Full PDB file with SEQRES, HELIX, SHEET, SSBOND, CRYST1, ORIGX, SCALE, CONECT and MASTER records, all heavy atoms in Angstrom:
SEQRES   1 A   40  LEU ASP ALA TYR ALA GLY ALA ARG VAL PRO ALA GLU LEU          
SEQRES   2 A   40  THR THR VAL GLN PHE LEU THR ASP VAL ALA ARG VAL LEU          
SEQRES   3 A   40  ARG PRO ASP GLY LEU ALA LEU LEU ASN LEU ALA ASP GLU          
SEQRES   4 A   40  PRO                                                          
HELIX    1 AA1 ALA A   11  LEU A   13  5                                   3    
HELIX    2 AA2 VAL A   16  VAL A   25  1                                  10    
CRYST1    1.000    1.000    1.000  90.00  90.00  90.00 P 1           1          
ORIGX1      1.000000  0.000000  0.000000        0.00000                         
ORIGX2      0.000000  1.000000  0.000000        0.00000                         
ORIGX3      0.000000  0.000000  1.000000        0.00000                         
SCALE1      1.000000  0.000000  0.000000        0.00000                         
SCALE2      0.000000  1.000000  0.000000        0.00000                         
SCALE3      0.000000  0.000000  1.000000        0.00000                         
ATOM      1  N   LEU A   1     104.147  26.687  -3.134  1.00  0.00           N  
ATOM      2  CA  LEU A   1     102.712  27.020  -3.135  1.00  0.00           C  
ATOM      3  C   LEU A   1     101.962  25.978  -2.251  1.00  0.00           C  
ATOM      4  O   LEU A   1     102.007  24.810  -2.583  1.00  0.00           O  
ATOM      5  CB  LEU A   1     102.099  26.975  -4.469  1.00  0.00           C  
ATOM      6  CG  LEU A   1     100.541  27.004  -4.577  1.00  0.00           C  
ATOM      7  CD1 LEU A   1     100.074  28.397  -4.007  1.00  0.00           C  
ATOM      8  CD2 LEU A   1     100.132  26.819  -6.068  1.00  0.00           C  
ATOM      9  N   ASP A   2     101.406  26.357  -1.011  1.00  0.00           N  
ATOM     10  CA  ASP A   2     100.676  25.549  -0.282  1.00  0.00           C  
ATOM     11  C   ASP A   2      99.574  26.301   0.324  1.00  0.00           C  
ATOM     12  O   ASP A   2      99.467  26.584   1.480  1.00  0.00           O  
ATOM     13  CB  ASP A   2     101.534  24.930   0.928  1.00  0.00           C  
ATOM     14  CG  ASP A   2     100.819  23.953   1.714  1.00  0.00           C  
ATOM     15  OD1 ASP A   2      99.725  23.448   1.348  1.00  0.00           O  
ATOM     16  OD2 ASP A   2     101.307  23.616   2.745  1.00  0.00           O  
ATOM     17  N   ALA A   3      98.633  26.688  -0.542  1.00  0.00           N  
ATOM     18  CA  ALA A   3      97.389  27.697  -0.205  1.00  0.00           C  
ATOM     19  C   ALA A   3      96.177  26.956  -0.558  1.00  0.00           C  
ATOM     20  O   ALA A   3      95.971  26.473  -1.720  1.00  0.00           O  
ATOM     21  CB  ALA A   3      97.580  28.850  -1.052  1.00  0.00           C  
ATOM     22  N   TYR A   4      95.312  26.873   0.300  1.00  0.00           N  
ATOM     23  CA  TYR A   4      94.020  26.288   0.205  1.00  0.00           C  
ATOM     24  C   TYR A   4      92.861  27.194   0.709  1.00  0.00           C  
ATOM     25  O   TYR A   4      93.167  27.872   1.752  1.00  0.00           O  
ATOM     26  CB  TYR A   4      93.992  24.854   0.922  1.00  0.00           C  
ATOM     27  CG  TYR A   4      94.608  23.760   0.151  1.00  0.00           C  
ATOM     28  CD1 TYR A   4      95.932  23.701   0.084  1.00  0.00           C  
ATOM     29  CD2 TYR A   4      93.807  22.814  -0.462  1.00  0.00           C  
ATOM     30  CE1 TYR A   4      96.521  22.694  -0.619  1.00  0.00           C  
ATOM     31  CE2 TYR A   4      94.383  21.785  -1.175  1.00  0.00           C  
ATOM     32  CZ  TYR A   4      95.790  21.692  -1.229  1.00  0.00           C  
ATOM     33  OH  TYR A   4      96.474  20.736  -1.890  1.00  0.00           O  
ATOM     34  N   ALA A   5      91.727  27.110   0.089  1.00  0.00           N  
ATOM     35  CA  ALA A   5      90.581  27.799   0.508  1.00  0.00           C  
ATOM     36  C   ALA A   5      89.396  26.843   0.466  1.00  0.00           C  
ATOM     37  O   ALA A   5      89.132  26.388  -0.681  1.00  0.00           O  
ATOM     38  CB  ALA A   5      90.393  29.124  -0.373  1.00  0.00           C  
ATOM     39  N   GLY A   6      88.763  26.600   1.545  1.00  0.00           N  
ATOM     40  CA  GLY A   6      87.699  25.596   1.628  1.00  0.00           C  
ATOM     41  C   GLY A   6      88.173  24.273   1.179  1.00  0.00           C  
ATOM     42  O   GLY A   6      87.467  23.537   0.419  1.00  0.00           O  
ATOM     43  N   ALA A   7      89.431  23.943   1.445  1.00  0.00           N  
ATOM     44  CA  ALA A   7      90.038  22.572   1.236  1.00  0.00           C  
ATOM     45  C   ALA A   7      90.348  22.507  -0.329  1.00  0.00           C  
ATOM     46  O   ALA A   7      90.654  21.253  -0.727  1.00  0.00           O  
ATOM     47  CB  ALA A   7      89.195  21.462   1.707  1.00  0.00           C  
ATOM     48  N   ARG A   8      90.451  23.602  -1.059  1.00  0.00           N  
ATOM     49  CA  ARG A   8      90.752  23.402  -2.468  1.00  0.00           C  
ATOM     50  C   ARG A   8      91.785  24.463  -2.822  1.00  0.00           C  
ATOM     51  O   ARG A   8      91.867  25.561  -2.239  1.00  0.00           O  
ATOM     52  CB  ARG A   8      89.385  23.616  -3.320  1.00  0.00           C  
ATOM     53  CG  ARG A   8      88.302  22.754  -3.000  1.00  0.00           C  
ATOM     54  CD  ARG A   8      87.088  23.052  -3.712  1.00  0.00           C  
ATOM     55  NE  ARG A   8      87.174  22.607  -5.119  1.00  0.00           N  
ATOM     56  CZ  ARG A   8      86.054  22.685  -6.004  1.00  0.00           C  
ATOM     57  NH1 ARG A   8      84.994  23.135  -5.556  1.00  0.00           N  
ATOM     58  NH2 ARG A   8      86.217  22.266  -7.187  1.00  0.00           N  
ATOM     59  N   VAL A   9      92.744  24.186  -3.752  1.00  0.00           N  
ATOM     60  CA  VAL A   9      93.776  25.091  -4.253  1.00  0.00           C  
ATOM     61  C   VAL A   9      92.934  26.178  -5.139  1.00  0.00           C  
ATOM     62  O   VAL A   9      92.246  25.910  -6.039  1.00  0.00           O  
ATOM     63  CB  VAL A   9      94.799  24.395  -5.059  1.00  0.00           C  
ATOM     64  CG1 VAL A   9      95.822  25.466  -5.528  1.00  0.00           C  
ATOM     65  CG2 VAL A   9      95.323  23.252  -4.357  1.00  0.00           C  
ATOM     66  N   PRO A  10      93.052  27.419  -4.744  1.00  0.00           N  
ATOM     67  CA  PRO A  10      92.458  28.504  -5.544  1.00  0.00           C  
ATOM     68  C   PRO A  10      92.767  28.547  -6.909  1.00  0.00           C  
ATOM     69  O   PRO A  10      93.906  28.330  -7.332  1.00  0.00           O  
ATOM     70  CB  PRO A  10      92.894  29.818  -4.794  1.00  0.00           C  
ATOM     71  CG  PRO A  10      93.266  29.390  -3.425  1.00  0.00           C  
ATOM     72  CD  PRO A  10      93.800  28.022  -3.631  1.00  0.00           C  
ATOM     73  N   ALA A  11      91.894  28.718  -7.837  1.00  0.00           N  
ATOM     74  CA  ALA A  11      92.044  28.681  -9.298  1.00  0.00           C  
ATOM     75  C   ALA A  11      93.090  29.547  -9.802  1.00  0.00           C  
ATOM     76  O   ALA A  11      93.954  29.356 -10.667  1.00  0.00           O  
ATOM     77  CB  ALA A  11      90.657  28.949  -9.933  1.00  0.00           C  
ATOM     78  N   GLU A  12      93.209  30.732  -9.191  1.00  0.00           N  
ATOM     79  CA  GLU A  12      94.018  31.911  -9.671  1.00  0.00           C  
ATOM     80  C   GLU A  12      95.570  31.564  -9.363  1.00  0.00           C  
ATOM     81  O   GLU A  12      96.450  32.145  -9.948  1.00  0.00           O  
ATOM     82  CB  GLU A  12      93.755  33.260  -9.028  1.00  0.00           C  
ATOM     83  CG  GLU A  12      93.925  33.413  -7.550  1.00  0.00           C  
ATOM     84  CD  GLU A  12      92.715  32.940  -6.710  1.00  0.00           C  
ATOM     85  OE1 GLU A  12      91.817  32.235  -7.320  1.00  0.00           O  
ATOM     86  OE2 GLU A  12      92.549  33.248  -5.628  1.00  0.00           O  
ATOM     87  N   LEU A  13      95.788  30.516  -8.559  1.00  0.00           N  
ATOM     88  CA  LEU A  13      97.180  30.190  -8.226  1.00  0.00           C  
ATOM     89  C   LEU A  13      97.749  29.073  -8.966  1.00  0.00           C  
ATOM     90  O   LEU A  13      98.866  28.748  -8.712  1.00  0.00           O  
ATOM     91  CB  LEU A  13      97.326  29.934  -6.617  1.00  0.00           C  
ATOM     92  CG  LEU A  13      96.934  31.012  -5.648  1.00  0.00           C  
ATOM     93  CD1 LEU A  13      97.151  30.614  -4.292  1.00  0.00           C  
ATOM     94  CD2 LEU A  13      97.616  32.306  -6.050  1.00  0.00           C  
ATOM     95  N   THR A  14      97.064  28.761 -10.030  1.00  0.00           N  
ATOM     96  CA  THR A  14      97.531  27.565 -10.901  1.00  0.00           C  
ATOM     97  C   THR A  14      97.509  27.932 -12.375  1.00  0.00           C  
ATOM     98  O   THR A  14      97.808  27.014 -13.199  1.00  0.00           O  
ATOM     99  CB  THR A  14      96.927  26.277 -10.620  1.00  0.00           C  
ATOM    100  OG1 THR A  14      95.460  26.342 -10.857  1.00  0.00           O  
ATOM    101  CG2 THR A  14      97.133  25.777  -9.237  1.00  0.00           C  
ATOM    102  N   THR A  15      97.244  29.171 -12.683  1.00  0.00           N  
ATOM    103  CA  THR A  15      97.223  29.506 -14.066  1.00  0.00           C  
ATOM    104  C   THR A  15      98.709  29.715 -14.590  1.00  0.00           C  
ATOM    105  O   THR A  15      99.468  29.997 -13.836  1.00  0.00           O  
ATOM    106  CB  THR A  15      96.434  30.789 -14.287  1.00  0.00           C  
ATOM    107  OG1 THR A  15      97.205  31.988 -13.680  1.00  0.00           O  
ATOM    108  CG2 THR A  15      95.113  30.845 -13.701  1.00  0.00           C  
ATOM    109  N   VAL A  16      98.725  29.583 -15.910  1.00  0.00           N  
ATOM    110  CA  VAL A  16     100.106  29.808 -16.506  1.00  0.00           C  
ATOM    111  C   VAL A  16     100.618  31.210 -16.295  1.00  0.00           C  
ATOM    112  O   VAL A  16     101.836  31.455 -16.143  1.00  0.00           O  
ATOM    113  CB  VAL A  16     100.052  29.370 -18.006  1.00  0.00           C  
ATOM    114  CG1 VAL A  16      99.289  30.304 -18.800  1.00  0.00           C  
ATOM    115  CG2 VAL A  16     101.409  29.191 -18.580  1.00  0.00           C  
ATOM    116  N   GLN A  17      99.667  32.142 -16.171  1.00  0.00           N  
ATOM    117  CA  GLN A  17     100.111  33.606 -15.997  1.00  0.00           C  
ATOM    118  C   GLN A  17     100.652  33.620 -14.566  1.00  0.00           C  
ATOM    119  O   GLN A  17     101.775  34.241 -14.445  1.00  0.00           O  
ATOM    120  CB  GLN A  17      98.881  34.429 -16.188  1.00  0.00           C  
ATOM    121  CG  GLN A  17      98.392  34.560 -17.580  1.00  0.00           C  
ATOM    122  CD  GLN A  17      97.382  33.506 -17.975  1.00  0.00           C  
ATOM    123  OE1 GLN A  17      97.114  32.586 -17.212  1.00  0.00           O  
ATOM    124  NE2 GLN A  17      96.735  33.746 -19.180  1.00  0.00           N  
ATOM    125  N   PHE A  18     100.061  33.113 -13.513  1.00  0.00           N  
ATOM    126  CA  PHE A  18     100.603  33.243 -12.274  1.00  0.00           C  
ATOM    127  C   PHE A  18     101.988  32.455 -12.119  1.00  0.00           C  
ATOM    128  O   PHE A  18     102.961  32.979 -11.578  1.00  0.00           O  
ATOM    129  CB  PHE A  18      99.670  32.748 -11.273  1.00  0.00           C  
ATOM    130  CG  PHE A  18     100.248  32.582  -9.884  1.00  0.00           C  
ATOM    131  CD1 PHE A  18     100.483  33.780  -9.084  1.00  0.00           C  
ATOM    132  CD2 PHE A  18     100.530  31.429  -9.207  1.00  0.00           C  
ATOM    133  CE1 PHE A  18     100.956  33.748  -7.733  1.00  0.00           C  
ATOM    134  CE2 PHE A  18     101.103  31.307  -8.008  1.00  0.00           C  
ATOM    135  CZ  PHE A  18     101.318  32.509  -7.214  1.00  0.00           C  
ATOM    136  N   LEU A  19     101.961  31.304 -12.814  1.00  0.00           N  
ATOM    137  CA  LEU A  19     103.168  30.505 -12.729  1.00  0.00           C  
ATOM    138  C   LEU A  19     104.327  31.118 -13.494  1.00  0.00           C  
ATOM    139  O   LEU A  19     105.567  31.061 -13.121  1.00  0.00           O  
ATOM    140  CB  LEU A  19     102.973  29.080 -13.326  1.00  0.00           C  
ATOM    141  CG  LEU A  19     102.015  28.237 -12.490  1.00  0.00           C  
ATOM    142  CD1 LEU A  19     101.593  27.009 -13.248  1.00  0.00           C  
ATOM    143  CD2 LEU A  19     102.359  27.967 -11.043  1.00  0.00           C  
ATOM    144  N   THR A  20     104.114  31.884 -14.504  1.00  0.00           N  
ATOM    145  CA  THR A  20     105.011  32.769 -15.126  1.00  0.00           C  
ATOM    146  C   THR A  20     105.629  33.822 -14.205  1.00  0.00           C  
ATOM    147  O   THR A  20     106.886  34.023 -14.162  1.00  0.00           O  
ATOM    148  CB  THR A  20     104.408  33.465 -16.432  1.00  0.00           C  
ATOM    149  OG1 THR A  20     104.062  32.428 -17.249  1.00  0.00           O  
ATOM    150  CG2 THR A  20     105.461  34.261 -17.104  1.00  0.00           C  
ATOM    151  N   ASP A  21     104.777  34.326 -13.291  1.00  0.00           N  
ATOM    152  CA  ASP A  21     105.326  35.253 -12.267  1.00  0.00           C  
ATOM    153  C   ASP A  21     106.228  34.630 -11.253  1.00  0.00           C  
ATOM    154  O   ASP A  21     107.169  35.161 -10.834  1.00  0.00           O  
ATOM    155  CB  ASP A  21     104.102  35.973 -11.637  1.00  0.00           C  
ATOM    156  CG  ASP A  21     104.542  37.462 -11.138  1.00  0.00           C  
ATOM    157  OD1 ASP A  21     105.435  38.020 -11.655  1.00  0.00           O  
ATOM    158  OD2 ASP A  21     103.843  37.946 -10.179  1.00  0.00           O  
ATOM    159  N   VAL A  22     105.810  33.387 -10.915  1.00  0.00           N  
ATOM    160  CA  VAL A  22     106.546  32.570  -9.998  1.00  0.00           C  
ATOM    161  C   VAL A  22     107.952  32.352 -10.618  1.00  0.00           C  
ATOM    162  O   VAL A  22     108.965  32.548  -9.954  1.00  0.00           O  
ATOM    163  CB  VAL A  22     105.999  31.183  -9.641  1.00  0.00           C  
ATOM    164  CG1 VAL A  22     106.936  30.268  -9.003  1.00  0.00           C  
ATOM    165  CG2 VAL A  22     104.639  31.451  -8.865  1.00  0.00           C  
ATOM    166  N   ALA A  23     107.982  32.014 -11.875  1.00  0.00           N  
ATOM    167  CA  ALA A  23     109.304  31.729 -12.619  1.00  0.00           C  
ATOM    168  C   ALA A  23     110.159  33.007 -12.504  1.00  0.00           C  
ATOM    169  O   ALA A  23     111.381  32.976 -12.509  1.00  0.00           O  
ATOM    170  CB  ALA A  23     109.021  31.308 -13.992  1.00  0.00           C  
ATOM    171  N   ARG A  24     109.521  34.172 -12.679  1.00  0.00           N  
ATOM    172  CA  ARG A  24     110.289  35.496 -12.623  1.00  0.00           C  
ATOM    173  C   ARG A  24     111.067  35.669 -11.306  1.00  0.00           C  
ATOM    174  O   ARG A  24     112.196  36.139 -11.193  1.00  0.00           O  
ATOM    175  CB  ARG A  24     109.329  36.627 -12.875  1.00  0.00           C  
ATOM    176  CG  ARG A  24     110.005  38.006 -12.686  1.00  0.00           C  
ATOM    177  CD  ARG A  24     108.889  39.072 -12.709  1.00  0.00           C  
ATOM    178  NE  ARG A  24     107.942  38.942 -11.635  1.00  0.00           N  
ATOM    179  CZ  ARG A  24     108.166  39.427 -10.410  1.00  0.00           C  
ATOM    180  NH1 ARG A  24     109.316  39.958 -10.031  1.00  0.00           N  
ATOM    181  NH2 ARG A  24     107.253  39.224  -9.443  1.00  0.00           N  
ATOM    182  N   VAL A  25     110.434  35.169 -10.176  1.00  0.00           N  
ATOM    183  CA  VAL A  25     110.919  35.268  -8.825  1.00  0.00           C  
ATOM    184  C   VAL A  25     111.995  34.366  -8.612  1.00  0.00           C  
ATOM    185  O   VAL A  25     112.932  34.630  -7.782  1.00  0.00           O  
ATOM    186  CB  VAL A  25     109.726  35.124  -7.756  1.00  0.00           C  
ATOM    187  CG1 VAL A  25     110.290  35.168  -6.390  1.00  0.00           C  
ATOM    188  CG2 VAL A  25     108.783  36.338  -7.931  1.00  0.00           C  
ATOM    189  N   LEU A  26     111.922  33.156  -9.250  1.00  0.00           N  
ATOM    190  CA  LEU A  26     113.019  32.207  -8.961  1.00  0.00           C  
ATOM    191  C   LEU A  26     114.283  32.475  -9.594  1.00  0.00           C  
ATOM    192  O   LEU A  26     114.425  33.074 -10.669  1.00  0.00           O  
ATOM    193  CB  LEU A  26     112.487  30.756  -9.682  1.00  0.00           C  
ATOM    194  CG  LEU A  26     111.488  30.004  -8.914  1.00  0.00           C  
ATOM    195  CD1 LEU A  26     110.943  28.867  -9.724  1.00  0.00           C  
ATOM    196  CD2 LEU A  26     111.892  29.618  -7.526  1.00  0.00           C  
ATOM    197  N   ARG A  27     115.384  32.105  -8.892  1.00  0.00           N  
ATOM    198  CA  ARG A  27     116.697  32.236  -9.512  1.00  0.00           C  
ATOM    199  C   ARG A  27     116.888  31.172 -10.617  1.00  0.00           C  
ATOM    200  O   ARG A  27     116.046  30.194 -10.677  1.00  0.00           O  
ATOM    201  CB  ARG A  27     117.818  31.973  -8.362  1.00  0.00           C  
ATOM    202  CG  ARG A  27     117.755  33.147  -7.374  1.00  0.00           C  
ATOM    203  CD  ARG A  27     118.562  32.937  -6.059  1.00  0.00           C  
ATOM    204  NE  ARG A  27     118.482  34.246  -5.294  1.00  0.00           N  
ATOM    205  CZ  ARG A  27     118.731  34.270  -4.005  1.00  0.00           C  
ATOM    206  NH1 ARG A  27     119.116  33.098  -3.350  1.00  0.00           N  
ATOM    207  NH2 ARG A  27     118.562  35.421  -3.359  1.00  0.00           N  
ATOM    208  N   PRO A  28     117.912  31.238 -11.425  1.00  0.00           N  
ATOM    209  CA  PRO A  28     118.033  30.370 -12.583  1.00  0.00           C  
ATOM    210  C   PRO A  28     117.807  28.790 -12.316  1.00  0.00           C  
ATOM    211  O   PRO A  28     117.227  28.076 -13.176  1.00  0.00           O  
ATOM    212  CB  PRO A  28     119.383  30.649 -13.184  1.00  0.00           C  
ATOM    213  CG  PRO A  28     119.631  32.020 -12.821  1.00  0.00           C  
ATOM    214  CD  PRO A  28     118.996  32.188 -11.445  1.00  0.00           C  
ATOM    215  N   ASP A  29     118.422  28.290 -11.220  1.00  0.00           N  
ATOM    216  CA  ASP A  29     118.340  26.971 -10.907  1.00  0.00           C  
ATOM    217  C   ASP A  29     117.312  26.718  -9.783  1.00  0.00           C  
ATOM    218  O   ASP A  29     117.286  25.624  -9.039  1.00  0.00           O  
ATOM    219  CB  ASP A  29     119.642  26.377 -10.475  1.00  0.00           C  
ATOM    220  CG  ASP A  29     120.650  26.254 -11.638  1.00  0.00           C  
ATOM    221  OD1 ASP A  29     120.121  26.124 -12.812  1.00  0.00           O  
ATOM    222  OD2 ASP A  29     121.810  26.455 -11.421  1.00  0.00           O  
ATOM    223  N   GLY A  30     116.510  27.661  -9.462  1.00  0.00           N  
ATOM    224  CA  GLY A  30     115.494  27.646  -8.417  1.00  0.00           C  
ATOM    225  C   GLY A  30     114.379  26.528  -8.659  1.00  0.00           C  
ATOM    226  O   GLY A  30     114.215  26.105  -9.733  1.00  0.00           O  
ATOM    227  N   LEU A  31     113.669  26.172  -7.632  1.00  0.00           N  
ATOM    228  CA  LEU A  31     112.641  25.325  -7.584  1.00  0.00           C  
ATOM    229  C   LEU A  31     111.229  25.858  -7.256  1.00  0.00           C  
ATOM    230  O   LEU A  31     111.156  26.585  -6.325  1.00  0.00           O  
ATOM    231  CB  LEU A  31     112.817  24.085  -6.613  1.00  0.00           C  
ATOM    232  CG  LEU A  31     114.002  23.111  -6.904  1.00  0.00           C  
ATOM    233  CD1 LEU A  31     114.070  22.035  -5.759  1.00  0.00           C  
ATOM    234  CD2 LEU A  31     113.813  22.345  -8.185  1.00  0.00           C  
ATOM    235  N   ALA A  32     110.297  25.392  -8.027  1.00  0.00           N  
ATOM    236  CA  ALA A  32     108.838  25.783  -7.709  1.00  0.00           C  
ATOM    237  C   ALA A  32     108.275  24.411  -7.137  1.00  0.00           C  
ATOM    238  O   ALA A  32     108.334  23.367  -7.828  1.00  0.00           O  
ATOM    239  CB  ALA A  32     108.081  26.263  -8.901  1.00  0.00           C  
ATOM    240  N   LEU A  33     107.678  24.491  -5.956  1.00  0.00           N  
ATOM    241  CA  LEU A  33     106.966  23.316  -5.280  1.00  0.00           C  
ATOM    242  C   LEU A  33     105.556  23.653  -5.115  1.00  0.00           C  
ATOM    243  O   LEU A  33     105.235  24.700  -4.490  1.00  0.00           O  
ATOM    244  CB  LEU A  33     107.646  22.965  -4.096  1.00  0.00           C  
ATOM    245  CG  LEU A  33     109.202  22.726  -4.107  1.00  0.00           C  
ATOM    246  CD1 LEU A  33     109.669  22.321  -2.649  1.00  0.00           C  
ATOM    247  CD2 LEU A  33     109.557  21.531  -5.030  1.00  0.00           C  
ATOM    248  N   LEU A  34     104.600  22.862  -5.684  1.00  0.00           N  
ATOM    249  CA  LEU A  34     103.290  23.081  -5.450  1.00  0.00           C  
ATOM    250  C   LEU A  34     102.544  21.895  -4.795  1.00  0.00           C  
ATOM    251  O   LEU A  34     102.676  20.765  -5.275  1.00  0.00           O  
ATOM    252  CB  LEU A  34     102.589  23.179  -6.914  1.00  0.00           C  
ATOM    253  CG  LEU A  34     102.823  24.752  -7.575  1.00  0.00           C  
ATOM    254  CD1 LEU A  34     104.232  24.915  -7.942  1.00  0.00           C  
ATOM    255  CD2 LEU A  34     101.775  24.774  -8.710  1.00  0.00           C  
ATOM    256  N   ASN A  35     101.880  22.087  -3.703  1.00  0.00           N  
ATOM    257  CA  ASN A  35     101.211  21.155  -2.995  1.00  0.00           C  
ATOM    258  C   ASN A  35      99.729  21.192  -3.619  1.00  0.00           C  
ATOM    259  O   ASN A  35      98.991  22.110  -3.368  1.00  0.00           O  
ATOM    260  CB  ASN A  35     101.117  21.409  -1.494  1.00  0.00           C  
ATOM    261  CG  ASN A  35     100.028  20.351  -0.803  1.00  0.00           C  
ATOM    262  OD1 ASN A  35      99.941  19.280  -1.219  1.00  0.00           O  
ATOM    263  ND2 ASN A  35      99.477  20.832   0.129  1.00  0.00           N  
ATOM    264  N   LEU A  36      99.376  20.113  -4.488  1.00  0.00           N  
ATOM    265  CA  LEU A  36      98.145  20.009  -5.072  1.00  0.00           C  
ATOM    266  C   LEU A  36      97.321  18.819  -4.575  1.00  0.00           C  
ATOM    267  O   LEU A  36      97.876  18.051  -3.825  1.00  0.00           O  
ATOM    268  CB  LEU A  36      98.419  19.880  -6.694  1.00  0.00           C  
ATOM    269  CG  LEU A  36      99.220  20.910  -7.356  1.00  0.00           C  
ATOM    270  CD1 LEU A  36      99.586  20.418  -8.823  1.00  0.00           C  
ATOM    271  CD2 LEU A  36      98.693  22.299  -7.256  1.00  0.00           C  
ATOM    272  N   ALA A  37      96.050  18.858  -4.952  1.00  0.00           N  
ATOM    273  CA  ALA A  37      95.243  17.714  -4.406  1.00  0.00           C  
ATOM    274  C   ALA A  37      94.321  17.382  -5.701  1.00  0.00           C  
ATOM    275  O   ALA A  37      93.874  18.128  -6.427  1.00  0.00           O  
ATOM    276  CB  ALA A  37      94.377  18.114  -3.213  1.00  0.00           C  
ATOM    277  N   ASP A  38      94.157  16.036  -5.981  1.00  0.00           N  
ATOM    278  CA  ASP A  38      93.496  15.646  -7.062  1.00  0.00           C  
ATOM    279  C   ASP A  38      92.771  14.244  -6.855  1.00  0.00           C  
ATOM    280  O   ASP A  38      93.197  13.500  -5.964  1.00  0.00           O  
ATOM    281  CB  ASP A  38      94.413  15.551  -8.287  1.00  0.00           C  
ATOM    282  CG  ASP A  38      93.654  15.766  -9.619  1.00  0.00           C  
ATOM    283  OD1 ASP A  38      92.484  15.833  -9.584  1.00  0.00           O  
ATOM    284  OD2 ASP A  38      94.357  15.805 -10.695  1.00  0.00           O  
ATOM    285  N   GLU A  39      91.943  13.981  -7.819  1.00  0.00           N  
ATOM    286  CA  GLU A  39      91.229  12.626  -7.786  1.00  0.00           C  
ATOM    287  C   GLU A  39      92.029  11.700  -8.709  1.00  0.00           C  
ATOM    288  O   GLU A  39      92.980  12.049  -9.381  1.00  0.00           O  
ATOM    289  CB  GLU A  39      89.859  12.858  -8.453  1.00  0.00           C  
ATOM    290  CG  GLU A  39      88.902  13.884  -7.856  1.00  0.00           C  
ATOM    291  CD  GLU A  39      87.736  14.300  -8.598  1.00  0.00           C  
ATOM    292  OE1 GLU A  39      87.893  14.386  -9.942  1.00  0.00           O  
ATOM    293  OE2 GLU A  39      86.711  14.580  -8.082  1.00  0.00           O  
ATOM    294  N   PRO A  40      91.638  10.308  -8.524  1.00  0.00           N  
ATOM    295  CA  PRO A  40      92.413   9.474  -9.373  1.00  0.00           C  
ATOM    296  C   PRO A  40      92.280   9.822 -10.859  1.00  0.00           C  
ATOM    297  O   PRO A  40      91.212  10.257 -11.338  1.00  0.00           O  
ATOM    298  CB  PRO A  40      91.584   8.082  -9.053  1.00  0.00           C  
ATOM    299  CG  PRO A  40      91.114   8.311  -7.747  1.00  0.00           C  
ATOM    300  CD  PRO A  40      90.748   9.682  -7.530  1.00  0.00           C  
TER     301      PRO A  40                                                      
MASTER        0    0    0    2    0    0    0    6  300    1    0    4          
END                                                                             
């Protein structure tokens, strides 16, 4: 996941519901990688 809109990660792409769909797509030992941005 490396998606930004207006220099921010869209809210709908970090919900547990979306991440559950990502897990469905992954193979058993697959990796999910998310490029996030945050404050201290």
